[in-house]
Amino acid sequence: MAHCYYHALSSVRKWGGRPDDYLPLHQWFDQSKAIFADPRHRALRHHAEGIFMLETLFGATIVNADGRIVPVRLIGEQHVREDLGYIPSFADWARLIVPQAWMLRGHRLDDPLAGLADQSELASEPPVAGSHPATGRSVRVEI
């Protein structure tokens, strides 16, 4: 579905009420379009944990305009299924992230100078995608 309003209309067909009863929930799922305006925005909330986050934010149920009590989790499941065809886990999305060298650059928190030395070395050479910053060798990470 292209727009939250159409998800809300689908919710009305399923549980009754008015589109405004459901629109804020469907808009929450798609707020990530503000930072990533293609289908990859869905990686932030369109998964099982996102559905549980929706329930945490909006409560276990809503009462629609017809007075019907509707479980929020079911509304979230409807949204994700309409967009993706099924409900993935966050791990399903994360497996598709290709690790980059900057993602692997960790430093001990109790050694504030370690980060400064590494930054000066890295400034002189551009990072190579898929290589470890300390050794320059390629890195393979599996999730």
N, C-alpha and C. Protein backbone atom coordinates (compact mmCIF):
# COMPACT_ATOMS: atom_id res chain seq x y z
N MET A 1 0.85 -1.18 0.00
CA MET A 1 0.00 0.00 0.00
C MET A 1 0.89 1.24 0.00
N ALA A 2 0.45 2.24 -0.69
CA ALA A 2 1.28 3.42 -0.87
C ALA A 2 1.11 4.46 0.22
N HIS A 3 -0.01 4.51 0.87
CA HIS A 3 -0.26 5.59 1.82
C HIS A 3 -0.98 5.05 3.05
N CYS A 4 -0.68 5.64 4.18
CA CYS A 4 -1.27 5.22 5.45
C CYS A 4 -2.80 5.28 5.45
N TYR A 5 -3.35 6.20 4.72
CA TYR A 5 -4.80 6.33 4.67
C TYR A 5 -5.44 5.05 4.13
N TYR A 6 -4.79 4.43 3.15
CA TYR A 6 -5.33 3.20 2.58
C TYR A 6 -5.23 2.03 3.57
N HIS A 7 -4.16 2.04 4.38
CA HIS A 7 -4.09 1.05 5.46
C HIS A 7 -5.25 1.28 6.44
N ALA A 8 -5.52 2.55 6.73
CA ALA A 8 -6.61 2.87 7.66
C ALA A 8 -7.96 2.44 7.10
N LEU A 9 -8.18 2.62 5.80
CA LEU A 9 -9.42 2.16 5.18
C LEU A 9 -9.54 0.64 5.27
N SER A 10 -8.43 -0.04 5.11
CA SER A 10 -8.42 -1.49 5.24
C SER A 10 -8.79 -1.90 6.67
N SER A 11 -8.29 -1.16 7.64
CA SER A 11 -8.63 -1.42 9.05
C SER A 11 -10.12 -1.22 9.29
N VAL A 12 -10.70 -0.19 8.68
CA VAL A 12 -12.14 0.06 8.82
C VAL A 12 -12.93 -1.12 8.26
N ARG A 13 -12.52 -1.62 7.10
CA ARG A 13 -13.22 -2.78 6.52
C ARG A 13 -13.14 -3.99 7.44
N LYS A 14 -12.02 -4.11 8.15
CA LYS A 14 -11.80 -5.28 9.00
C LYS A 14 -12.49 -5.17 10.36
N TRP A 15 -12.42 -3.97 10.99
CA TRP A 15 -12.90 -3.83 12.37
C TRP A 15 -13.97 -2.75 12.57
N GLY A 16 -14.34 -2.05 11.51
CA GLY A 16 -15.33 -0.99 11.66
C GLY A 16 -14.69 0.31 12.12
N GLY A 17 -15.52 1.26 12.49
CA GLY A 17 -15.03 2.57 12.93
C GLY A 17 -14.78 3.49 11.76
N ARG A 18 -13.88 4.46 11.97
CA ARG A 18 -13.53 5.46 10.96
C ARG A 18 -12.03 5.41 10.69
N PRO A 19 -11.58 5.88 9.54
CA PRO A 19 -10.14 5.89 9.25
C PRO A 19 -9.32 6.60 10.33
N ASP A 20 -9.87 7.68 10.90
CA ASP A 20 -9.13 8.42 11.93
C ASP A 20 -8.84 7.57 13.17
N ASP A 21 -9.60 6.52 13.39
CA ASP A 21 -9.34 5.63 14.52
C ASP A 21 -7.99 4.92 14.37
N TYR A 22 -7.59 4.67 13.14
CA TYR A 22 -6.43 3.83 12.85
C TYR A 22 -5.24 4.61 12.27
N LEU A 23 -5.52 5.77 11.71
CA LEU A 23 -4.48 6.52 10.99
C LEU A 23 -3.22 6.77 11.81
N PRO A 24 -3.30 7.19 13.08
CA PRO A 24 -2.07 7.44 13.84
C PRO A 24 -1.17 6.19 13.97
N LEU A 25 -1.77 5.03 14.07
CA LEU A 25 -0.99 3.79 14.19
C LEU A 25 -0.27 3.49 12.88
N HIS A 26 -0.99 3.62 11.78
CA HIS A 26 -0.37 3.36 10.48
C HIS A 26 0.68 4.43 10.15
N GLN A 27 0.44 5.67 10.56
CA GLN A 27 1.44 6.72 10.33
C GLN A 27 2.71 6.45 11.11
N TRP A 28 2.57 5.88 12.30
CA TRP A 28 3.76 5.56 13.10
C TRP A 28 4.68 4.61 12.33
N PHE A 29 4.10 3.60 11.70
CA PHE A 29 4.92 2.65 10.93
C PHE A 29 5.68 3.36 9.82
N ASP A 30 5.06 4.33 9.18
CA ASP A 30 5.66 4.95 8.01
C ASP A 30 6.37 6.27 8.27
N GLN A 31 6.53 6.65 9.53
CA GLN A 31 7.29 7.88 9.84
C GLN A 31 8.72 7.79 9.34
N SER A 32 9.24 6.59 9.22
CA SER A 32 10.62 6.42 8.77
C SER A 32 10.81 6.86 7.31
N LYS A 33 9.73 7.09 6.57
CA LYS A 33 9.85 7.63 5.21
C LYS A 33 10.48 9.02 5.24
N ALA A 34 10.40 9.69 6.36
CA ALA A 34 10.98 11.03 6.48
C ALA A 34 12.51 11.00 6.38
N ILE A 35 13.11 9.86 6.72
CA ILE A 35 14.57 9.78 6.67
C ILE A 35 15.08 8.89 5.55
N PHE A 36 14.19 8.08 4.96
CA PHE A 36 14.61 7.18 3.89
C PHE A 36 13.41 6.97 2.98
N ALA A 37 13.35 7.67 1.87
CA ALA A 37 12.14 7.74 1.05
C ALA A 37 12.06 6.64 -0.01
N ASP A 38 12.40 5.43 0.36
CA ASP A 38 12.15 4.29 -0.51
C ASP A 38 11.79 3.10 0.38
N PRO A 39 11.47 1.94 -0.18
CA PRO A 39 10.98 0.83 0.66
C PRO A 39 11.93 0.38 1.77
N ARG A 40 13.19 0.75 1.70
CA ARG A 40 14.12 0.37 2.77
C ARG A 40 13.77 1.02 4.11
N HIS A 41 12.94 2.08 4.09
CA HIS A 41 12.51 2.70 5.35
C HIS A 41 11.83 1.68 6.25
N ARG A 42 11.25 0.66 5.64
CA ARG A 42 10.50 -0.34 6.40
C ARG A 42 11.37 -1.15 7.35
N ALA A 43 12.65 -1.19 7.12
CA ALA A 43 13.56 -1.95 8.00
C ALA A 43 13.50 -1.46 9.44
N LEU A 44 13.13 -0.19 9.65
CA LEU A 44 13.11 0.36 11.01
C LEU A 44 11.94 -0.12 11.86
N ARG A 45 10.78 -0.37 11.24
CA ARG A 45 9.60 -0.70 12.05
C ARG A 45 8.74 -1.84 11.50
N HIS A 46 8.92 -2.22 10.27
CA HIS A 46 8.08 -3.25 9.65
C HIS A 46 8.64 -4.65 9.96
N HIS A 47 8.50 -5.06 11.20
CA HIS A 47 8.93 -6.38 11.63
C HIS A 47 8.25 -6.69 12.95
N ALA A 48 8.46 -7.91 13.45
CA ALA A 48 7.75 -8.35 14.66
C ALA A 48 8.01 -7.42 15.84
N GLU A 49 9.25 -7.01 16.04
CA GLU A 49 9.53 -6.11 17.17
C GLU A 49 8.84 -4.76 16.98
N GLY A 50 8.76 -4.28 15.74
CA GLY A 50 8.06 -3.03 15.47
C GLY A 50 6.59 -3.10 15.85
N ILE A 51 5.99 -4.26 15.63
CA ILE A 51 4.59 -4.45 16.00
C ILE A 51 4.44 -4.38 17.52
N PHE A 52 5.38 -4.96 18.25
CA PHE A 52 5.32 -4.90 19.71
C PHE A 52 5.63 -3.49 20.21
N MET A 53 6.51 -2.74 19.50
CA MET A 53 6.75 -1.34 19.86
C MET A 53 5.47 -0.52 19.69
N LEU A 54 4.73 -0.78 18.61
CA LEU A 54 3.46 -0.09 18.38
C LEU A 54 2.53 -0.30 19.57
N GLU A 55 2.46 -1.53 20.04
CA GLU A 55 1.60 -1.85 21.18
C GLU A 55 2.08 -1.14 22.45
N THR A 56 3.37 -1.06 22.64
CA THR A 56 3.92 -0.36 23.80
C THR A 56 3.56 1.12 23.77
N LEU A 57 3.61 1.73 22.59
CA LEU A 57 3.33 3.17 22.46
C LEU A 57 1.85 3.51 22.51
N PHE A 58 1.01 2.67 21.90
CA PHE A 58 -0.41 3.00 21.77
C PHE A 58 -1.32 2.22 22.72
N GLY A 59 -0.75 1.28 23.47
CA GLY A 59 -1.54 0.47 24.38
C GLY A 59 -1.96 -0.84 23.72
N ALA A 60 -2.48 -1.74 24.52
CA ALA A 60 -2.84 -3.07 24.02
C ALA A 60 -4.04 -3.03 23.09
N THR A 61 -4.94 -2.07 23.30
CA THR A 61 -6.15 -1.98 22.47
C THR A 61 -6.50 -0.53 22.22
N ILE A 62 -7.32 -0.32 21.18
CA ILE A 62 -7.96 0.98 20.96
C ILE A 62 -9.47 0.72 20.92
N VAL A 63 -10.23 1.76 21.13
CA VAL A 63 -11.68 1.68 20.96
C VAL A 63 -12.02 2.54 19.75
N ASN A 64 -12.59 1.91 18.72
CA ASN A 64 -12.88 2.67 17.50
C ASN A 64 -14.20 3.44 17.64
N ALA A 65 -14.56 4.19 16.61
CA ALA A 65 -15.74 5.05 16.64
C ALA A 65 -17.04 4.27 16.81
N ASP A 66 -17.01 2.98 16.48
CA ASP A 66 -18.20 2.12 16.67
C ASP A 66 -18.26 1.54 18.07
N GLY A 67 -17.27 1.88 18.91
CA GLY A 67 -17.22 1.35 20.26
C GLY A 67 -16.60 -0.04 20.36
N ARG A 68 -16.06 -0.51 19.27
CA ARG A 68 -15.43 -1.84 19.25
C ARG A 68 -14.00 -1.76 19.77
N ILE A 69 -13.61 -2.70 20.61
CA ILE A 69 -12.24 -2.78 21.12
C ILE A 69 -11.42 -3.60 20.12
N VAL A 70 -10.32 -3.01 19.66
CA VAL A 70 -9.47 -3.65 18.64
C VAL A 70 -8.05 -3.77 19.18
N PRO A 71 -7.47 -4.97 19.20
CA PRO A 71 -6.09 -5.13 19.64
C PRO A 71 -5.11 -4.40 18.71
N VAL A 72 -4.26 -3.59 19.29
CA VAL A 72 -3.27 -2.81 18.53
C VAL A 72 -2.32 -3.74 17.77
N ARG A 73 -1.96 -4.85 18.38
CA ARG A 73 -1.05 -5.77 17.71
C ARG A 73 -1.64 -6.27 16.39
N LEU A 74 -2.94 -6.51 16.35
CA LEU A 74 -3.57 -6.96 15.11
C LEU A 74 -3.51 -5.89 14.03
N ILE A 75 -3.65 -4.63 14.43
CA ILE A 75 -3.55 -3.53 13.48
C ILE A 75 -2.13 -3.46 12.92
N GLY A 76 -1.14 -3.63 13.78
CA GLY A 76 0.26 -3.65 13.33
C GLY A 76 0.54 -4.80 12.39
N GLU A 77 0.03 -5.98 12.74
CA GLU A 77 0.22 -7.14 11.87
C GLU A 77 -0.42 -6.91 10.50
N GLN A 78 -1.60 -6.30 10.50
CA GLN A 78 -2.28 -5.98 9.24
C GLN A 78 -1.40 -5.07 8.38
N HIS A 79 -0.84 -4.01 8.99
CA HIS A 79 -0.02 -3.05 8.25
C HIS A 79 1.18 -3.74 7.61
N VAL A 80 1.92 -4.50 8.41
CA VAL A 80 3.14 -5.14 7.91
C VAL A 80 2.80 -6.17 6.84
N ARG A 81 1.77 -6.96 7.06
CA ARG A 81 1.38 -7.96 6.04
C ARG A 81 0.95 -7.30 4.73
N GLU A 82 0.23 -6.19 4.84
CA GLU A 82 -0.19 -5.51 3.61
C GLU A 82 1.01 -4.97 2.83
N ASP A 83 2.03 -4.52 3.53
CA ASP A 83 3.21 -3.98 2.86
C ASP A 83 4.18 -5.06 2.38
N LEU A 84 4.35 -6.12 3.17
CA LEU A 84 5.40 -7.09 2.87
C LEU A 84 4.90 -8.49 2.52
N GLY A 85 3.67 -8.78 2.84
CA GLY A 85 3.16 -10.12 2.56
C GLY A 85 3.29 -11.09 3.71
N TYR A 86 4.15 -10.79 4.65
CA TYR A 86 4.34 -11.59 5.86
C TYR A 86 5.01 -10.71 6.91
N ILE A 87 5.22 -11.26 8.11
CA ILE A 87 5.85 -10.48 9.18
C ILE A 87 7.27 -11.00 9.40
N PRO A 88 8.27 -10.24 8.94
CA PRO A 88 9.65 -10.66 9.17
C PRO A 88 10.10 -10.33 10.60
N SER A 89 11.21 -10.88 10.99
CA SER A 89 11.85 -10.48 12.24
C SER A 89 12.83 -9.35 11.91
N PHE A 90 13.32 -8.67 12.94
CA PHE A 90 14.35 -7.66 12.67
C PHE A 90 15.59 -8.34 12.09
N ALA A 91 15.88 -9.57 12.56
CA ALA A 91 17.05 -10.30 12.05
C ALA A 91 16.96 -10.52 10.54
N ASP A 92 15.75 -10.71 10.02
CA ASP A 92 15.59 -10.86 8.57
C ASP A 92 16.09 -9.62 7.84
N TRP A 93 15.79 -8.45 8.38
CA TRP A 93 16.29 -7.20 7.79
C TRP A 93 17.80 -7.06 8.00
N ALA A 94 18.26 -7.33 9.21
CA ALA A 94 19.67 -7.09 9.55
C ALA A 94 20.61 -7.99 8.75
N ARG A 95 20.17 -9.17 8.39
CA ARG A 95 21.01 -10.07 7.58
C ARG A 95 21.37 -9.44 6.24
N LEU A 96 20.58 -8.50 5.79
CA LEU A 96 20.81 -7.87 4.49
C LEU A 96 21.77 -6.69 4.56
N ILE A 97 22.16 -6.28 5.76
CA ILE A 97 23.10 -5.17 5.91
C ILE A 97 24.51 -5.68 5.64
N VAL A 98 25.19 -5.04 4.71
CA VAL A 98 26.57 -5.42 4.39
C VAL A 98 27.48 -4.66 5.36
N PRO A 99 28.19 -5.39 6.25
CA PRO A 99 29.06 -4.71 7.22
C PRO A 99 30.15 -3.88 6.51
N GLN A 100 30.36 -2.70 7.04
CA GLN A 100 31.39 -1.80 6.53
C GLN A 100 32.49 -1.65 7.59
N ALA A 101 33.64 -1.22 7.19
CA ALA A 101 34.77 -1.10 8.11
C ALA A 101 34.44 -0.19 9.29
N TRP A 102 33.76 0.92 9.04
CA TRP A 102 33.46 1.85 10.14
C TRP A 102 32.55 1.23 11.18
N MET A 103 31.79 0.20 10.80
CA MET A 103 30.90 -0.47 11.76
C MET A 103 31.68 -1.34 12.73
N LEU A 104 32.89 -1.70 12.36
CA LEU A 104 33.71 -2.62 13.16
C LEU A 104 34.74 -1.91 14.01
N ARG A 105 34.79 -0.58 13.94
CA ARG A 105 35.79 0.21 14.63
C ARG A 105 35.40 0.44 16.09
N GLY A 106 35.82 -0.43 16.97
CA GLY A 106 35.51 -0.25 18.38
C GLY A 106 36.75 0.14 19.16
N HIS A 107 36.55 0.82 20.27
CA HIS A 107 37.65 1.22 21.14
C HIS A 107 37.24 1.00 22.58
N ARG A 108 38.24 0.70 23.38
CA ARG A 108 37.98 0.54 24.81
C ARG A 108 37.55 1.88 25.39
N LEU A 109 36.52 1.86 26.19
CA LEU A 109 36.02 3.10 26.78
C LEU A 109 36.95 3.65 27.85
N ASP A 110 37.77 2.79 28.44
CA ASP A 110 38.67 3.25 29.50
C ASP A 110 40.01 3.74 28.96
N ASP A 111 40.18 3.82 27.62
CA ASP A 111 41.41 4.31 27.03
C ASP A 111 41.07 5.44 26.05
N PRO A 112 40.92 6.67 26.57
CA PRO A 112 40.48 7.78 25.71
C PRO A 112 41.47 8.14 24.61
N LEU A 113 42.75 7.84 24.77
CA LEU A 113 43.74 8.21 23.76
C LEU A 113 43.78 7.22 22.61
N ALA A 114 43.29 6.01 22.80
CA ALA A 114 43.33 5.01 21.73
C ALA A 114 42.55 5.49 20.51
N GLY A 115 41.44 6.11 20.71
CA GLY A 115 40.63 6.60 19.61
C GLY A 115 41.32 7.70 18.83
N LEU A 116 42.10 8.55 19.52
CA LEU A 116 42.79 9.66 18.85
C LEU A 116 43.87 9.15 17.90
N ALA A 117 44.62 8.15 18.32
CA ALA A 117 45.68 7.60 17.48
C ALA A 117 45.09 6.97 16.23
N ASP A 118 44.03 6.22 16.38
CA ASP A 118 43.40 5.57 15.24
C ASP A 118 42.81 6.58 14.28
N GLN A 119 42.26 7.66 14.78
CA GLN A 119 41.65 8.66 13.91
C GLN A 119 42.70 9.32 13.03
N SER A 120 43.90 9.59 13.57
CA SER A 120 44.93 10.23 12.75
C SER A 120 45.42 9.28 11.67
N GLU A 121 45.52 7.98 11.96
CA GLU A 121 45.92 7.01 10.95
C GLU A 121 44.87 6.92 9.85
N LEU A 122 43.60 6.90 10.26
CA LEU A 122 42.52 6.76 9.29
C LEU A 122 42.37 7.99 8.42
N ALA A 123 42.74 9.15 8.93
CA ALA A 123 42.59 10.38 8.16
C ALA A 123 43.54 10.39 6.97
N SER A 124 44.70 9.70 7.07
CA SER A 124 45.67 9.71 5.98
C SER A 124 45.32 8.72 4.88
N GLU A 125 44.52 7.69 5.18
CA GLU A 125 44.15 6.71 4.18
C GLU A 125 42.63 6.57 4.14
N PRO A 126 42.06 6.59 2.95
CA PRO A 126 40.60 6.40 2.87
C PRO A 126 40.23 4.97 3.25
N PRO A 127 39.10 4.78 3.95
CA PRO A 127 38.70 3.43 4.33
C PRO A 127 38.32 2.60 3.10
N VAL A 128 38.64 1.33 3.16
CA VAL A 128 38.29 0.40 2.10
C VAL A 128 37.09 -0.40 2.57
N ALA A 129 36.02 -0.37 1.80
CA ALA A 129 34.81 -1.10 2.20
C ALA A 129 35.12 -2.58 2.35
N GLY A 130 34.66 -3.15 3.45
CA GLY A 130 34.83 -4.58 3.70
C GLY A 130 36.18 -4.95 4.29
N SER A 131 37.00 -3.95 4.67
CA SER A 131 38.29 -4.28 5.28
C SER A 131 38.31 -3.84 6.73
N HIS A 132 39.13 -4.52 7.52
CA HIS A 132 39.27 -4.19 8.94
C HIS A 132 40.22 -3.01 9.04
N PRO A 133 39.87 -1.98 9.83
CA PRO A 133 40.70 -0.78 9.88
C PRO A 133 42.10 -1.02 10.41
N ALA A 134 42.29 -1.97 11.29
CA ALA A 134 43.61 -2.18 11.89
C ALA A 134 44.53 -2.98 10.98
N THR A 135 43.99 -3.96 10.26
CA THR A 135 44.85 -4.85 9.48
C THR A 135 44.75 -4.61 7.98
N GLY A 136 43.66 -4.01 7.52
CA GLY A 136 43.48 -3.81 6.10
C GLY A 136 43.00 -5.06 5.39
N ARG A 137 42.91 -6.17 6.13
CA ARG A 137 42.43 -7.41 5.51
C ARG A 137 40.92 -7.38 5.40
N SER A 138 40.39 -8.13 4.45
CA SER A 138 38.94 -8.14 4.29
C SER A 138 38.28 -8.85 5.45
N VAL A 139 37.04 -8.45 5.70
CA VAL A 139 36.29 -8.96 6.84
C VAL A 139 34.98 -9.53 6.34
N ARG A 140 34.61 -10.66 6.85
CA ARG A 140 33.29 -11.25 6.54
C ARG A 140 32.56 -11.43 7.86
N VAL A 141 31.38 -10.85 7.94
CA VAL A 141 30.56 -10.95 9.15
C VAL A 141 29.25 -11.61 8.76
N GLU A 142 28.86 -12.64 9.47
CA GLU A 142 27.58 -13.29 9.23
C GLU A 142 26.71 -13.12 10.46
N ILE A 143 25.46 -12.88 10.19
CA ILE A 143 24.50 -12.69 11.29
C ILE A 143 23.56 -13.87 11.31
